[in-house]
Amino acid sequence: MQKQVGLWIDHRKAVIVTVENEIVATREIESNMEKHTRFSSGTHSGTSNNPQGPTSEDSRDRQFGGHLDKYYEKIMSIIHDADSIWIIGPGEAKTELESFLKSHALSGIIAGVEPADKLTNNQIAGKVREYFKIKKS
């Protein structure tokens, strides 16, 4: 009995498609995060007496990173027992999740990481079936 997982991810949500015994199940995880705003390096809100001090942008970046770690932990708790994981998505989240999984000794089960545009849940499930060569039931 092999458990294969394909997932589409961005910083706002992940659609996890699990295939086990040719049964396909789809689950959606919301990150509950606001869009992350990146600031140019020229923006600095520190005091003029301490230009190297932390800025509000640094604080927001740390908060965003901490929130992402919790999001990735939640995803990992669902997919950690998979035999094979395929990760797709439009932005940085797919490679961030890959790095997160590798840092938790799950690199051996990552089948691939590929770019993908925004897709419906049915389109994602179809791509996962196609990737793992699962017949549509």
C-alpha atoms as a PDB file:
ATOM      1  CA  MET A   1       0.000   0.000   0.000  1.00  0.00           C
ATOM      2  CA  GLN A   2       1.758   3.110  -1.269  1.00  0.00           C
ATOM      3  CA  LYS A   3       0.772   6.631  -0.257  1.00  0.00           C
ATOM      4  CA  GLN A   4       1.541   9.293  -2.844  1.00  0.00           C
ATOM      5  CA  VAL A   5       0.982  12.997  -2.250  1.00  0.00           C
ATOM      6  CA  GLY A   6       0.875  15.822  -4.733  1.00  0.00           C
ATOM      7  CA  LEU A   7       0.382  19.339  -3.545  1.00  0.00           C
ATOM      8  CA  TRP A   8      -0.063  22.782  -5.010  1.00  0.00           C
ATOM      9  CA  ILE A   9       1.139  25.534  -2.705  1.00  0.00           C
ATOM     10  CA  ASP A  10       1.501  29.284  -2.414  1.00  0.00           C
ATOM     11  CA  HIS A  11       1.842  31.469   0.689  1.00  0.00           C
ATOM     12  CA  ARG A  12      -1.935  31.639   1.166  1.00  0.00           C
ATOM     13  CA  LYS A  13      -3.063  28.037   0.763  1.00  0.00           C
ATOM     14  CA  ALA A  14      -2.043  24.499  -0.029  1.00  0.00           C
ATOM     15  CA  VAL A  15      -4.139  21.928  -1.841  1.00  0.00           C
ATOM     16  CA  ILE A  16      -3.002  18.463  -0.799  1.00  0.00           C
ATOM     17  CA  VAL A  17      -4.010  15.512  -2.978  1.00  0.00           C
ATOM     18  CA  THR A  18      -3.392  12.121  -1.387  1.00  0.00           C
ATOM     19  CA  VAL A  19      -3.507   8.934  -3.440  1.00  0.00           C
ATOM     20  CA  GLU A  20      -3.671   5.654  -1.550  1.00  0.00           C
ATOM     21  CA  ASN A  21      -4.953   2.376  -3.021  1.00  0.00           C
ATOM     22  CA  GLU A  22      -5.996   4.379  -6.102  1.00  0.00           C
ATOM     23  CA  ILE A  23      -8.365   6.424  -3.897  1.00  0.00           C
ATOM     24  CA  VAL A  24      -7.840  10.160  -4.351  1.00  0.00           C
ATOM     25  CA  ALA A  25      -8.584  12.559  -1.473  1.00  0.00           C
ATOM     26  CA  THR A  26      -8.181  16.333  -1.622  1.00  0.00           C
ATOM     27  CA  ARG A  27      -7.647  18.616   1.371  1.00  0.00           C
ATOM     28  CA  GLU A  28      -7.135  22.376   1.473  1.00  0.00           C
ATOM     29  CA  ILE A  29      -5.033  24.140   4.111  1.00  0.00           C
ATOM     30  CA  GLU A  30      -5.287  27.921   4.531  1.00  0.00           C
ATOM     31  CA  SER A  31      -2.282  29.815   5.857  1.00  0.00           C
ATOM     32  CA  ASN A  32      -4.428  32.677   7.219  1.00  0.00           C
ATOM     33  CA  MET A  33      -1.671  35.109   6.261  1.00  0.00           C
ATOM     34  CA  GLU A  34      -1.880  38.510   4.739  1.00  0.00           C
ATOM     35  CA  LYS A  35       0.118  39.098   1.586  1.00  0.00           C
ATOM     36  CA  HIS A  36       3.786  39.646   2.428  1.00  0.00           C
ATOM     37  CA  THR A  37       5.014  43.063   1.382  1.00  0.00           C
ATOM     38  CA  ARG A  38       8.687  43.305   0.535  1.00  0.00           C
ATOM     39  CA  PHE A  39      10.365  46.620   1.109  1.00  0.00           C
ATOM     40  CA  SER A  40      13.283  48.000  -0.853  1.00  0.00           C
ATOM     41  CA  SER A  41      16.608  48.112   0.974  1.00  0.00           C
ATOM     42  CA  GLY A  42      16.481  51.909   0.820  1.00  0.00           C
ATOM     43  CA  THR A  43      13.522  51.998   3.214  1.00  0.00           C
ATOM     44  CA  HIS A  44      14.729  52.219   6.777  1.00  0.00           C
ATOM     45  CA  SER A  45      12.637  53.310   9.707  1.00  0.00           C
ATOM     46  CA  GLY A  46      15.344  52.972  12.389  1.00  0.00           C
ATOM     47  CA  THR A  47      16.460  56.005  14.334  1.00  0.00           C
ATOM     48  CA  SER A  48      19.247  58.118  12.900  1.00  0.00           C
ATOM     49  CA  ASN A  49      21.321  57.338  16.019  1.00  0.00           C
ATOM     50  CA  ASN A  50      21.138  53.580  15.300  1.00  0.00           C
ATOM     51  CA  PRO A  51      21.007  52.934  11.551  1.00  0.00           C
ATOM     52  CA  GLN A  52      21.879  49.249  12.095  1.00  0.00           C
ATOM     53  CA  GLY A  53      19.009  48.711  14.536  1.00  0.00           C
ATOM     54  CA  PRO A  54      15.952  46.597  13.796  1.00  0.00           C
ATOM     55  CA  THR A  55      13.272  48.153  11.639  1.00  0.00           C
ATOM     56  CA  SER A  56       9.553  47.534  11.532  1.00  0.00           C
ATOM     57  CA  GLU A  57      10.158  45.814   8.179  1.00  0.00           C
ATOM     58  CA  ASP A  58      12.627  43.416   9.844  1.00  0.00           C
ATOM     59  CA  SER A  59      10.053  42.666  12.513  1.00  0.00           C
ATOM     60  CA  ARG A  60       7.359  41.996   9.904  1.00  0.00           C
ATOM     61  CA  ASP A  61       9.754  39.742   7.977  1.00  0.00           C
ATOM     62  CA  ARG A  62      10.496  37.700  11.135  1.00  0.00           C
ATOM     63  CA  GLN A  63       6.786  37.476  11.929  1.00  0.00           C
ATOM     64  CA  PHE A  64       6.041  36.380   8.342  1.00  0.00           C
ATOM     65  CA  GLY A  65       8.812  33.752   8.509  1.00  0.00           C
ATOM     66  CA  GLY A  66       7.507  32.419  11.821  1.00  0.00           C
ATOM     67  CA  HIS A  67       3.997  32.191  10.421  1.00  0.00           C
ATOM     68  CA  LEU A  68       5.312  30.342   7.354  1.00  0.00           C
ATOM     69  CA  ASP A  69       7.101  27.824   9.586  1.00  0.00           C
ATOM     70  CA  LYS A  70       3.808  27.056  11.367  1.00  0.00           C
ATOM     71  CA  TYR A  71       2.049  26.733   7.999  1.00  0.00           C
ATOM     72  CA  TYR A  72       4.729  24.358   6.681  1.00  0.00           C
ATOM     73  CA  GLU A  73       4.631  22.351   9.948  1.00  0.00           C
ATOM     74  CA  LYS A  74       0.888  21.883   9.534  1.00  0.00           C
ATOM     75  CA  ILE A  75       1.380  20.657   5.958  1.00  0.00           C
ATOM     76  CA  MET A  76       4.229  18.363   7.042  1.00  0.00           C
ATOM     77  CA  SER A  77       2.041  16.820   9.759  1.00  0.00           C
ATOM     78  CA  ILE A  78      -0.372  15.721   7.019  1.00  0.00           C
ATOM     79  CA  ILE A  79       2.144  14.467   4.438  1.00  0.00           C
ATOM     80  CA  HIS A  80       5.025  13.135   6.587  1.00  0.00           C
ATOM     81  CA  ASP A  81       4.010   9.489   6.153  1.00  0.00           C
ATOM     82  CA  ALA A  82       3.857   9.628   2.347  1.00  0.00           C
ATOM     83  CA  ASP A  83       6.061   7.377   0.244  1.00  0.00           C
ATOM     84  CA  SER A  84       6.381  10.048  -2.454  1.00  0.00           C
ATOM     85  CA  ILE A  85       5.655  13.797  -2.542  1.00  0.00           C
ATOM     86  CA  TRP A  86       5.335  15.991  -5.641  1.00  0.00           C
ATOM     87  CA  ILE A  87       5.236  19.765  -4.998  1.00  0.00           C
ATOM     88  CA  ILE A  88       3.954  22.341  -7.491  1.00  0.00           C
ATOM     89  CA  GLY A  89       3.025  26.007  -7.279  1.00  0.00           C
ATOM     90  CA  PRO A  90       3.411  29.472  -8.762  1.00  0.00           C
ATOM     91  CA  GLY A  91       5.874  31.193  -6.421  1.00  0.00           C
ATOM     92  CA  GLU A  92       8.547  30.701  -3.786  1.00  0.00           C
ATOM     93  CA  ALA A  93       6.444  28.623  -1.399  1.00  0.00           C
ATOM     94  CA  LYS A  94       7.102  25.366  -3.265  1.00  0.00           C
ATOM     95  CA  THR A  95      10.894  25.632  -2.870  1.00  0.00           C
ATOM     96  CA  GLU A  96      10.536  26.928   0.705  1.00  0.00           C
ATOM     97  CA  LEU A  97       8.427  23.873   1.572  1.00  0.00           C
ATOM     98  CA  GLU A  98      10.972  21.620  -0.135  1.00  0.00           C
ATOM     99  CA  SER A  99      13.755  23.124   2.015  1.00  0.00           C
ATOM    100  CA  PHE A 100      11.591  22.826   5.130  1.00  0.00           C
ATOM    101  CA  LEU A 101      10.896  19.130   4.422  1.00  0.00           C
ATOM    102  CA  LYS A 102      14.588  18.480   3.718  1.00  0.00           C
ATOM    103  CA  SER A 103      15.527  20.099   7.032  1.00  0.00           C
ATOM    104  CA  HIS A 104      13.191  17.590   8.712  1.00  0.00           C
ATOM    105  CA  ALA A 105      14.843  14.565   7.032  1.00  0.00           C
ATOM    106  CA  LEU A 106      12.120  14.084   4.404  1.00  0.00           C
ATOM    107  CA  SER A 107      14.260  14.781   1.329  1.00  0.00           C
ATOM    108  CA  GLY A 108      14.221  11.121   0.263  1.00  0.00           C
ATOM    109  CA  ILE A 109      10.485  11.163  -0.437  1.00  0.00           C
ATOM    110  CA  ILE A 110      10.362  14.340  -2.546  1.00  0.00           C
ATOM    111  CA  ALA A 111       9.664  13.139  -6.089  1.00  0.00           C
ATOM    112  CA  GLY A 112       9.907  16.582  -7.664  1.00  0.00           C
ATOM    113  CA  VAL A 113       9.252  20.302  -7.425  1.00  0.00           C
ATOM    114  CA  GLU A 114       7.822  22.105 -10.441  1.00  0.00           C
ATOM    115  CA  PRO A 115       6.299  25.481 -11.309  1.00  0.00           C
ATOM    116  CA  ALA A 116       2.544  25.619 -11.892  1.00  0.00           C
ATOM    117  CA  ASP A 117       0.057  28.426 -12.370  1.00  0.00           C
ATOM    118  CA  LYS A 118      -3.026  28.883 -10.239  1.00  0.00           C
ATOM    119  CA  LEU A 119      -5.283  25.864 -10.706  1.00  0.00           C
ATOM    120  CA  THR A 120      -8.651  24.678  -9.462  1.00  0.00           C
ATOM    121  CA  ASN A 121      -8.697  21.813  -6.975  1.00  0.00           C
ATOM    122  CA  ASN A 122      -9.988  19.489  -9.723  1.00  0.00           C
ATOM    123  CA  GLN A 123      -7.155  20.542 -12.040  1.00  0.00           C
ATOM    124  CA  ILE A 124      -4.621  19.925  -9.266  1.00  0.00           C
ATOM    125  CA  ALA A 125      -6.090  16.460  -8.563  1.00  0.00           C
ATOM    126  CA  GLY A 126      -5.941  15.709 -12.298  1.00  0.00           C
ATOM    127  CA  LYS A 127      -2.275  16.736 -12.514  1.00  0.00           C
ATOM    128  CA  VAL A 128      -1.453  14.593  -9.475  1.00  0.00           C
ATOM    129  CA  ARG A 129      -3.247  11.588 -11.013  1.00  0.00           C
ATOM    130  CA  GLU A 130      -1.333  12.173 -14.238  1.00  0.00           C
ATOM    131  CA  TYR A 131       2.014  12.583 -12.452  1.00  0.00           C
ATOM    132  CA  PHE A 132       1.605   9.376 -10.457  1.00  0.00           C
ATOM    133  CA  LYS A 133      -0.151   7.636 -13.392  1.00  0.00           C
ATOM    134  CA  ILE A 134      -3.324   6.911 -11.416  1.00  0.00           C
ATOM    135  CA  LYS A 135      -6.445   5.880 -13.312  1.00  0.00           C
ATOM    136  CA  LYS A 136      -9.459   8.112 -12.776  1.00  0.00           C
ATOM    137  CA  SER A 137     -12.067   6.241 -10.747  1.00  0.00           C
END
